[in-house]
């Protein structure tokens, strides 16, 4: 019983954590190359070892918000047999923000105290 409760708490915590970092993973996906939404979904899955499986609809909403904030740009390319496709990339402001976010937040995870008493500390 105790283990099931712990598993539920861990699952809930991870869900909230993942939601908060989706923008980070999308920014990483488009940092080096211009991608369509479908390609972004695939790239995020690869970058996160398939722990982030999100819908294209969620990515569209996220990109629209980031475009309005001038952090993401897009260009349109001809679609195969339909409407034009949008290809997304980070704007210069988005690149700067991603760099600063990594320096201020992600680099913290490299501290030895994080791995203390974990299975990773023996690696």
Foldseek 3Di string as FASTA:
>chain_A
DVVVVVVVVVVVVVVVVCVVCPVLLLQVQQAPHWAFLVSSQVSSCVVVVNPDRDDSVVVVVVQVVCVVVVQKDWDWDCDPPDRTTIIMHTDPVNNVVSVVCCVVPVVVCVDVVNCPPHPVNVD
